[in-house]
Amino acid sequence: MNALDIITKKRNGEKLCREEIDYFIHGYAANRLPDYQMAALLMAVFFQGMDFEETAGLTNSMLHSGDILNFKNVDGFKIDKHSTGGVGDKVSLILAPLVAAAGLKVPMISGRGLGHSGGTLDKLESIPGFRTNLSVEEFYRQICDLGVSMIGQTEMIVPADRKMYALRDATATIESIPLITGSILSKKLAEGIDGLVLDVKTGRGAFMQNFKDAETLATSLIRTAELNGLPTTALITNMDQPLGNTAGNWLETREAIEALHGNGPEDLVDVTFALAAQMLVMAGFAANVDQARKELQKLIINGKAFQKFCDMVQAQGGDLAFIDEPEKYPPSKIILPVLSEQEGYVQKLDARKIGFAVVHLGGGREVMEDRIDYAAGVVLYKKIGDFVRENEVLAELHTDRRDTVETIRKDVLSAFEIGEERMQKPELIFRVLKKSES
């Protein structure tokens, strides 16, 4: 068996066996195979694809390239949620403590933002002192003690994915469904969880802008997870406009705090509850989604979800002073309103443009090495279906970048399409997929 034969086989559209996949993935993770050979295989997979059995083998091989967490001795149902990414998506900050307050265990390994899409780790690290680089031992102990912890990928958890992802980014092979599936699920399987709920986003601000592509990805994720013994449910949700009223790390964290107090925007709360309810049903904590939503609402009203969030922040070194009094957080030097130039109803709000505006304001990364201004971002005062008058505030820019803020103001203004027709609020959840339907 050798790398060249495997590359040639996949280039010609043939199916790879498990041993061939293991040889390549483990060899690359151990630095026995060079980047150029992995790049060739990635491109072959990009064009020729993989069936579900191959994708499951790829996922399992990536999983076993490093450490796998073992929570078998931890009482309770271990579950996680993963989002394919979007703009204003601070769901995990609300959902993880909310579900943990219901009694589930939530070991969540999250990622950073890149391009127009924000990252959960960056939002958490906007809280002064918050540590996302816990050791495996600290992570395990916190799940035992609190039932929830949110960290980044460690050096030894799925090292093959970390190397492959960087190469995919450099070789224009990011969009491959099998490679996306393997990347997402290898990390989730490494958490040692009993169940998984996925938020597969579609629309202008999503990775998969076309609904059919999002459905294909959701199906691949569910079937591959099931082949690896992980029960999985996927929701396909709308990302044509940002979720909630903020985009930018601290702005979103503050909005998540408001949601945990029961004051979150309707769309953000609806998506969060839809995902969390599926988690409670999967774990057997509720008979159906309606019952689950009622239980979740109680945890918001009685303050237990917010207290769980505070406990997690404190356990991971975060300064609770900014959680208790978010208004104390140092604001951006420049806060600039974006005014409407006409009267009418908001017809469209381009999430992708808002996401890139956040990056250019300093709140995101164009390359992984970029430093983030945690206070930077966009606050939205109008969304699709809202009426707006001429010179009324559509949005507000938060930044320290005086030299580019006027250009970004024009970009954000162009994200709004305003017309005479009154629009309905967009549908948020397009479809729920489970094993029998995928």
Protein backbone atom coordinates (compact mmCIF):
# COMPACT_ATOMS: atom_id res chain seq x y z
CA MET A 1 0.00 0.00 0.00
CA ASN A 2 1.33 3.45 -0.89
CA ALA A 3 0.07 7.02 -1.08
CA LEU A 4 0.33 7.36 -4.84
CA ASP A 5 -1.89 4.33 -5.49
CA ILE A 6 -4.53 5.68 -3.08
CA ILE A 7 -4.51 9.12 -4.70
CA THR A 8 -4.79 7.56 -8.17
CA LYS A 9 -7.66 5.30 -7.06
CA LYS A 10 -9.71 8.21 -5.69
CA ARG A 11 -8.80 10.45 -8.65
CA ASN A 12 -10.34 7.78 -10.90
CA GLY A 13 -13.55 7.78 -8.87
CA GLU A 14 -13.05 4.43 -7.15
CA LYS A 15 -14.09 3.71 -3.58
CA LEU A 16 -11.37 3.66 -0.91
CA CYS A 17 -11.39 0.88 1.67
CA ARG A 18 -11.01 1.53 5.39
CA GLU A 19 -7.37 0.38 5.43
CA GLU A 20 -6.44 2.80 2.66
CA ILE A 21 -8.10 5.71 4.44
CA ASP A 22 -6.40 4.81 7.74
CA TYR A 23 -3.04 4.56 6.00
CA PHE A 24 -3.36 8.02 4.54
CA ILE A 25 -4.89 9.88 7.49
CA HIS A 26 -2.70 8.35 10.18
CA GLY A 27 0.38 8.72 7.99
CA TYR A 28 -0.34 12.39 7.42
CA ALA A 29 -1.10 13.07 11.09
CA ALA A 30 2.23 11.44 12.04
CA ASN A 31 4.12 13.51 9.41
CA ARG A 32 5.01 10.41 7.38
CA LEU A 33 3.19 11.81 4.32
CA PRO A 34 3.89 15.30 2.91
CA ASP A 35 1.41 18.15 2.45
CA TYR A 36 1.49 17.85 -1.36
CA GLN A 37 0.23 14.26 -1.27
CA MET A 38 -2.57 15.13 1.16
CA ALA A 39 -3.43 18.13 -1.03
CA ALA A 40 -3.72 15.78 -4.01
CA LEU A 41 -6.04 13.43 -2.11
CA LEU A 42 -8.16 16.35 -0.88
CA MET A 43 -8.61 17.57 -4.45
CA ALA A 44 -9.49 14.06 -5.62
CA VAL A 45 -12.15 13.79 -2.88
CA PHE A 46 -13.40 17.28 -3.75
CA PHE A 47 -14.09 16.25 -7.35
CA GLN A 48 -14.99 12.56 -6.94
CA GLY A 49 -16.72 12.64 -3.56
CA MET A 50 -17.13 9.79 -1.07
CA ASP A 51 -20.09 7.57 -0.28
CA PHE A 52 -21.46 7.35 3.28
CA GLU A 53 -19.36 4.32 4.14
CA GLU A 54 -16.16 6.06 2.98
CA THR A 55 -17.11 9.25 4.80
CA ALA A 56 -17.76 7.28 7.99
CA GLY A 57 -14.34 5.65 7.60
CA LEU A 58 -12.70 9.03 7.03
CA THR A 59 -14.39 10.42 10.14
CA ASN A 60 -13.37 7.45 12.28
CA SER A 61 -9.80 7.55 11.03
CA MET A 62 -9.53 11.29 11.80
CA LEU A 63 -11.06 10.63 15.24
CA HIS A 64 -8.41 8.03 16.07
CA SER A 65 -5.52 10.26 15.01
CA GLY A 66 -5.46 11.62 18.58
CA ASP A 67 -7.01 11.47 22.03
CA ILE A 68 -10.65 10.55 22.63
CA LEU A 69 -12.28 11.86 25.80
CA ASN A 70 -13.88 9.29 28.04
CA PHE A 71 -16.92 10.39 30.02
CA LYS A 72 -18.28 6.88 30.62
CA ASN A 73 -17.80 7.30 34.37
CA VAL A 74 -19.68 10.61 34.39
CA ASP A 75 -23.32 10.21 35.33
CA GLY A 76 -25.90 11.67 32.97
CA PHE A 77 -26.57 12.00 29.26
CA LYS A 78 -23.67 13.70 27.45
CA ILE A 79 -24.76 15.83 24.50
CA ASP A 80 -23.51 18.66 22.33
CA LYS A 81 -24.69 21.02 19.61
CA HIS A 82 -22.78 22.16 16.55
CA SER A 83 -23.53 25.03 14.19
CA THR A 84 -22.11 25.26 10.68
CA GLY A 85 -21.58 28.98 11.33
CA GLY A 86 -23.18 32.28 10.54
CA VAL A 87 -23.49 35.93 11.54
CA GLY A 88 -24.77 36.88 14.98
CA ASP A 89 -24.92 33.23 15.99
CA LYS A 90 -24.41 33.36 19.76
CA VAL A 91 -26.74 30.39 20.36
CA SER A 92 -24.11 28.21 22.07
CA LEU A 93 -23.56 30.79 24.83
CA ILE A 94 -27.22 30.50 25.79
CA LEU A 95 -27.88 26.87 24.93
CA ALA A 96 -24.98 25.19 26.73
CA PRO A 97 -25.77 26.52 30.24
CA LEU A 98 -29.52 26.25 29.59
CA VAL A 99 -29.34 22.55 28.72
CA ALA A 100 -26.88 21.91 31.56
CA ALA A 101 -29.31 23.57 33.98
CA ALA A 102 -31.88 21.00 32.79
CA GLY A 103 -29.57 18.21 33.97
CA LEU A 104 -27.70 17.20 30.81
CA LYS A 105 -23.90 17.14 30.53
CA VAL A 106 -22.53 19.45 27.83
CA PRO A 107 -18.84 19.01 26.93
CA MET A 108 -18.54 21.54 24.11
CA ILE A 109 -15.44 21.92 21.94
CA SER A 110 -15.87 25.07 19.86
CA GLY A 111 -14.03 27.01 17.17
CA ARG A 112 -12.88 30.52 16.29
CA GLY A 113 -14.25 32.87 13.69
CA LEU A 114 -12.70 33.09 10.23
CA GLY A 115 -13.95 35.19 7.35
CA HIS A 116 -17.47 36.59 7.77
CA SER A 117 -18.53 33.91 10.27
CA GLY A 118 -18.06 34.47 14.01
CA GLY A 119 -16.66 31.93 16.46
CA THR A 120 -17.87 30.83 19.90
CA LEU A 121 -14.37 30.89 21.43
CA ASP A 122 -13.87 34.53 20.45
CA LYS A 123 -17.19 35.48 22.04
CA LEU A 124 -16.28 33.69 25.27
CA GLU A 125 -12.81 35.24 25.32
CA SER A 126 -14.37 38.71 25.07
CA ILE A 127 -15.16 38.13 28.77
CA PRO A 128 -11.99 39.33 30.56
CA GLY A 129 -10.06 36.39 32.00
CA PHE A 130 -12.17 33.63 30.40
CA ARG A 131 -10.00 30.59 29.58
CA THR A 132 -10.89 28.36 26.65
CA ASN A 133 -7.57 26.47 26.74
CA LEU A 134 -8.39 24.12 29.60
CA SER A 135 -6.44 20.90 29.90
CA VAL A 136 -8.28 17.64 29.31
CA GLU A 137 -8.19 17.04 33.08
CA GLU A 138 -9.73 20.46 33.82
CA PHE A 139 -12.36 19.92 31.14
CA TYR A 140 -13.30 16.51 32.56
CA ARG A 141 -13.47 17.81 36.13
CA GLN A 142 -15.66 20.74 35.16
CA ILE A 143 -18.12 18.47 33.33
CA CYS A 144 -18.31 16.33 36.49
CA ASP A 145 -18.78 19.33 38.78
CA LEU A 146 -20.86 21.75 36.70
CA GLY A 147 -22.21 19.72 33.80
CA VAL A 148 -20.92 22.22 31.22
CA SER A 149 -17.62 23.45 29.83
CA MET A 150 -16.76 25.23 26.57
CA ILE A 151 -13.20 24.93 25.30
CA GLY A 152 -11.11 24.96 22.12
CA GLN A 153 -9.59 21.99 20.35
CA THR A 154 -6.50 20.76 22.20
CA GLU A 155 -3.27 19.74 20.49
CA MET A 156 -4.06 16.05 20.85
CA ILE A 157 -7.77 16.03 19.97
CA VAL A 158 -8.13 15.12 16.27
CA PRO A 159 -4.72 16.45 15.17
CA ALA A 160 -5.38 15.17 11.64
CA ASP A 161 -8.30 17.58 11.32
CA ARG A 162 -6.23 20.57 12.41
CA LYS A 163 -3.59 19.84 9.75
CA MET A 164 -6.12 18.95 7.06
CA TYR A 165 -8.29 22.00 7.67
CA ALA A 166 -5.35 24.37 7.19
CA LEU A 167 -4.49 22.58 3.94
CA ARG A 168 -8.13 22.63 2.74
CA ASP A 169 -8.21 26.37 3.32
CA ALA A 170 -5.06 26.78 1.21
CA THR A 171 -6.16 24.46 -1.62
CA ALA A 172 -9.78 25.60 -2.20
CA THR A 173 -11.24 22.26 -1.02
CA ILE A 174 -13.20 23.61 1.97
CA GLU A 175 -16.62 23.05 0.35
CA SER A 176 -16.37 19.26 -0.01
CA ILE A 177 -19.30 17.58 1.81
CA PRO A 178 -17.31 14.47 2.90
CA LEU A 179 -14.43 16.64 4.16
CA ILE A 180 -16.78 18.98 6.04
CA THR A 181 -18.54 15.96 7.55
CA GLY A 182 -15.29 14.36 8.68
CA SER A 183 -14.02 17.62 10.17
CA ILE A 184 -17.17 18.32 12.19
CA LEU A 185 -17.94 14.81 13.39
CA SER A 186 -14.41 13.70 14.26
CA LYS A 187 -14.23 16.50 16.85
CA LYS A 188 -17.72 15.78 18.19
CA LEU A 189 -17.07 12.03 18.47
CA ALA A 190 -13.85 12.84 20.33
CA GLU A 191 -15.94 14.47 23.06
CA GLY A 192 -17.31 11.08 24.10
CA ILE A 193 -20.93 12.26 23.84
CA ASP A 194 -24.15 10.21 23.72
CA GLY A 195 -26.03 12.46 21.30
CA LEU A 196 -25.61 15.42 18.97
CA VAL A 197 -27.90 18.15 17.62
CA LEU A 198 -26.79 20.09 14.54
CA ASP A 199 -27.70 23.58 13.37
CA VAL A 200 -27.06 23.50 9.62
CA LYS A 201 -27.49 27.05 8.37
CA THR A 202 -28.48 28.15 4.89
CA GLY A 203 -28.77 31.57 3.28
CA ARG A 204 -26.59 34.58 2.46
CA GLY A 205 -24.67 34.51 5.74
CA ALA A 206 -24.20 30.74 5.81
CA PHE A 207 -21.46 28.48 4.56
CA MET A 208 -24.08 26.58 2.55
CA GLN A 209 -26.07 29.37 0.88
CA ASN A 210 -28.27 26.99 -1.12
CA PHE A 211 -30.95 25.02 0.77
CA LYS A 212 -30.32 21.85 -1.24
CA ASP A 213 -26.62 21.95 -0.34
CA ALA A 214 -27.49 22.45 3.33
CA GLU A 215 -29.89 19.49 3.17
CA THR A 216 -27.19 17.33 1.54
CA LEU A 217 -24.71 18.27 4.27
CA ALA A 218 -27.26 17.59 7.02
CA THR A 219 -27.99 14.16 5.55
CA SER A 220 -24.28 13.35 5.29
CA LEU A 221 -23.69 14.39 8.89
CA ILE A 222 -26.61 12.36 10.25
CA ARG A 223 -25.80 9.17 8.35
CA THR A 224 -22.08 9.38 9.06
CA ALA A 225 -22.72 10.03 12.76
CA GLU A 226 -25.09 7.07 12.95
CA LEU A 227 -22.51 4.82 11.25
CA ASN A 228 -20.11 5.86 14.01
CA GLY A 229 -22.68 5.11 16.72
CA LEU A 230 -23.73 8.69 17.52
CA PRO A 231 -27.49 9.49 17.46
CA THR A 232 -27.89 12.83 15.67
CA THR A 233 -30.66 15.29 14.77
CA ALA A 234 -30.19 18.23 12.40
CA LEU A 235 -32.15 21.45 12.03
CA ILE A 236 -31.78 23.48 8.84
CA THR A 237 -32.10 27.13 9.86
CA ASN A 238 -32.26 30.49 8.11
CA MET A 239 -29.14 32.66 7.88
CA ASP A 240 -30.22 35.19 5.24
CA GLN A 241 -30.07 37.91 7.89
CA PRO A 242 -28.04 37.96 11.14
CA LEU A 243 -29.45 36.08 14.12
CA GLY A 244 -30.44 38.43 16.91
CA ASN A 245 -29.65 42.13 16.93
CA THR A 246 -25.85 42.09 17.26
CA ALA A 247 -22.78 40.85 15.40
CA GLY A 248 -19.39 41.13 17.11
CA ASN A 249 -17.91 39.32 20.07
CA TRP A 250 -18.74 41.29 23.22
CA LEU A 251 -21.92 42.70 21.68
CA GLU A 252 -23.13 39.14 21.10
CA THR A 253 -22.03 37.96 24.53
CA ARG A 254 -23.98 40.79 26.10
CA GLU A 255 -27.03 39.85 24.03
CA ALA A 256 -26.66 36.24 25.18
CA ILE A 257 -26.64 37.46 28.80
CA GLU A 258 -29.86 39.39 28.10
CA ALA A 259 -31.40 36.25 26.58
CA LEU A 260 -30.49 34.24 29.70
CA HIS A 261 -32.37 36.90 31.69
CA GLY A 262 -35.40 36.37 29.44
CA ASN A 263 -34.90 39.49 27.33
CA GLY A 264 -33.43 38.05 24.14
CA PRO A 265 -34.58 38.85 20.59
CA GLU A 266 -37.40 36.61 19.39
CA ASP A 267 -35.48 34.99 16.52
CA LEU A 268 -32.45 34.18 18.68
CA VAL A 269 -34.59 32.69 21.43
CA ASP A 270 -36.68 30.65 18.98
CA VAL A 271 -33.66 29.03 17.32
CA THR A 272 -31.98 28.39 20.70
CA PHE A 273 -35.11 26.76 22.14
CA ALA A 274 -35.69 24.69 18.99
CA LEU A 275 -32.19 23.19 19.25
CA ALA A 276 -32.25 22.80 23.04
CA ALA A 277 -35.67 21.14 22.93
CA GLN A 278 -34.36 18.48 20.54
CA MET A 279 -31.51 17.83 22.98
CA LEU A 280 -33.90 17.29 25.90
CA VAL A 281 -36.08 14.95 23.84
CA MET A 282 -33.06 12.96 22.63
CA ALA A 283 -31.84 12.56 26.21
CA GLY A 284 -35.27 11.42 27.40
CA PHE A 285 -35.73 14.50 29.60
CA ALA A 286 -38.93 15.43 27.77
CA ALA A 287 -41.54 13.42 25.90
CA ASN A 288 -41.81 15.90 23.04
CA VAL A 289 -40.60 19.28 21.83
CA ASP A 290 -43.52 21.24 23.33
CA GLN A 291 -42.90 19.81 26.80
CA ALA A 292 -39.18 20.47 26.42
CA ARG A 293 -39.76 24.14 25.51
CA LYS A 294 -41.87 24.60 28.65
CA GLU A 295 -39.11 23.13 30.80
CA LEU A 296 -36.52 25.38 29.14
CA GLN A 297 -38.67 28.45 29.68
CA LYS A 298 -38.90 27.63 33.40
CA LEU A 299 -35.09 27.54 33.63
CA ILE A 300 -34.91 31.02 32.12
CA ILE A 301 -37.63 32.42 34.38
CA ASN A 302 -36.26 30.95 37.63
CA GLY A 303 -32.72 32.13 36.84
CA LYS A 304 -31.11 28.67 36.88
CA ALA A 305 -29.84 28.95 33.28
CA PHE A 306 -28.19 32.31 33.96
CA GLN A 307 -26.68 30.99 37.20
CA LYS A 308 -25.22 28.03 35.32
CA PHE A 309 -23.66 30.47 32.84
CA CYS A 310 -22.16 32.46 35.74
CA ASP A 311 -20.81 29.27 37.32
CA MET A 312 -19.15 28.31 34.03
CA VAL A 313 -17.63 31.78 33.56
CA GLN A 314 -16.23 31.74 37.10
CA ALA A 315 -14.90 28.18 36.76
CA GLN A 316 -13.03 29.17 33.58
CA GLY A 317 -11.51 32.32 35.03
CA GLY A 318 -13.91 34.93 33.64
CA ASP A 319 -14.60 38.19 35.46
CA LEU A 320 -18.19 38.05 36.75
CA ALA A 321 -18.27 41.82 37.24
CA PHE A 322 -18.92 42.22 33.50
CA ILE A 323 -21.59 39.52 33.55
CA ASP A 324 -23.44 41.13 36.43
CA GLU A 325 -23.05 44.66 35.01
CA PRO A 326 -22.36 44.42 31.25
CA GLU A 327 -22.59 48.20 30.89
CA LYS A 328 -19.18 48.46 32.64
CA TYR A 329 -17.45 46.90 29.62
CA PRO A 330 -15.13 49.45 27.92
CA PRO A 331 -16.92 50.66 24.76
CA SER A 332 -15.39 51.30 21.35
CA LYS A 333 -13.93 54.75 20.74
CA ILE A 334 -16.27 55.29 17.79
CA ILE A 335 -20.00 54.50 17.78
CA LEU A 336 -21.45 55.58 14.44
CA PRO A 337 -25.12 55.32 13.43
CA VAL A 338 -26.10 54.12 9.95
CA LEU A 339 -29.12 56.15 8.83
CA SER A 340 -31.73 55.13 6.29
CA GLU A 341 -31.81 57.19 3.10
CA GLN A 342 -35.45 56.34 2.39
CA GLU A 343 -38.75 55.34 3.95
CA GLY A 344 -40.26 51.89 3.62
CA TYR A 345 -40.02 48.31 4.84
CA VAL A 346 -36.80 46.33 5.15
CA GLN A 347 -37.05 43.76 2.35
CA LYS A 348 -33.63 42.14 2.72
CA LEU A 349 -30.72 42.32 5.15
CA ASP A 350 -27.57 40.71 3.77
CA ALA A 351 -25.99 38.73 6.62
CA ARG A 352 -22.79 38.19 4.66
CA LYS A 353 -22.20 41.94 4.25
CA ILE A 354 -22.83 42.48 7.98
CA GLY A 355 -20.39 39.68 8.81
CA PHE A 356 -17.62 41.18 6.70
CA ALA A 357 -18.38 44.62 8.16
CA VAL A 358 -17.63 43.18 11.61
CA VAL A 359 -14.30 41.85 10.32
CA HIS A 360 -13.34 45.22 8.84
CA LEU A 361 -14.37 47.02 12.04
CA GLY A 362 -11.79 44.87 13.86
CA GLY A 363 -14.13 42.24 15.28
CA GLY A 364 -13.07 39.30 13.11
CA ARG A 365 -10.22 37.70 11.22
CA GLU A 366 -9.22 37.67 7.58
CA VAL A 367 -6.39 35.24 8.47
CA MET A 368 -6.07 33.17 11.66
CA GLU A 369 -3.18 35.31 12.94
CA ASP A 370 -5.25 38.53 13.07
CA ARG A 371 -5.90 40.01 16.51
CA ILE A 372 -9.48 40.76 17.48
CA ASP A 373 -11.00 43.92 18.94
CA TYR A 374 -13.62 42.29 21.17
CA ALA A 375 -15.75 45.45 21.49
CA ALA A 376 -16.05 45.98 17.73
CA GLY A 377 -19.17 45.03 15.80
CA VAL A 378 -22.60 46.00 14.53
CA VAL A 379 -25.84 46.59 16.42
CA LEU A 380 -28.98 46.19 14.30
CA TYR A 381 -32.02 48.35 15.01
CA LYS A 382 -34.05 47.22 11.98
CA LYS A 383 -34.47 43.79 10.40
CA ILE A 384 -36.56 42.21 7.65
CA GLY A 385 -40.22 43.26 7.91
CA ASP A 386 -39.57 46.36 10.02
CA PHE A 387 -40.78 49.79 8.90
CA VAL A 388 -38.16 52.52 8.70
CA ARG A 389 -38.38 56.26 8.15
CA GLU A 390 -35.89 58.39 6.26
CA ASN A 391 -32.91 59.28 8.52
CA GLU A 392 -33.97 56.66 11.09
CA VAL A 393 -31.19 54.51 12.55
CA LEU A 394 -30.82 51.14 10.80
CA ALA A 395 -27.67 50.02 12.59
CA GLU A 396 -24.80 51.21 14.75
CA LEU A 397 -21.09 50.59 14.15
CA HIS A 398 -18.70 50.01 17.07
CA THR A 399 -14.98 50.33 16.27
CA ASP A 400 -11.64 51.98 17.02
CA ARG A 401 -10.79 52.19 13.30
CA ARG A 402 -11.43 55.82 12.42
CA ASP A 403 -9.83 55.59 8.95
CA THR A 404 -12.20 52.92 7.58
CA VAL A 405 -15.45 53.49 9.45
CA GLU A 406 -17.05 55.68 6.76
CA THR A 407 -16.43 53.06 4.07
CA ILE A 408 -17.89 50.38 6.33
CA ARG A 409 -20.92 52.59 7.02
CA LYS A 410 -21.67 52.57 3.29
CA ASP A 411 -21.19 48.80 3.15
CA VAL A 412 -23.64 48.26 6.01
CA LEU A 413 -26.15 50.65 4.44
CA SER A 414 -25.97 48.62 1.21
CA ALA A 415 -26.80 45.45 3.20
CA PHE A 416 -30.33 46.83 3.72
CA GLU A 417 -32.82 46.68 0.86
CA ILE A 418 -35.82 48.93 1.57
CA GLY A 419 -39.04 49.03 -0.45
CA GLU A 420 -42.76 49.77 -0.26
CA GLU A 421 -43.95 46.18 0.15
CA ARG A 422 -44.49 45.02 3.70
CA MET A 423 -42.57 41.80 4.30
CA GLN A 424 -43.38 38.91 6.62
CA LYS A 425 -40.80 37.97 9.24
CA PRO A 426 -38.60 35.26 7.68
CA GLU A 427 -39.14 31.60 8.48
CA LEU A 428 -36.43 30.53 10.92
CA ILE A 429 -36.43 26.73 10.83
CA PHE A 430 -36.89 25.11 7.45
CA ARG A 431 -36.62 21.45 8.36
CA VAL A 432 -35.81 18.98 11.13
CA LEU A 433 -34.00 15.82 9.98
CA LYS A 434 -33.53 12.62 11.95
CA LYS A 435 -32.17 9.18 11.09
CA SER A 436 -35.36 7.85 9.54
CA GLU A 437 -35.73 10.93 7.31
CA SER A 438 -32.12 11.47 6.20
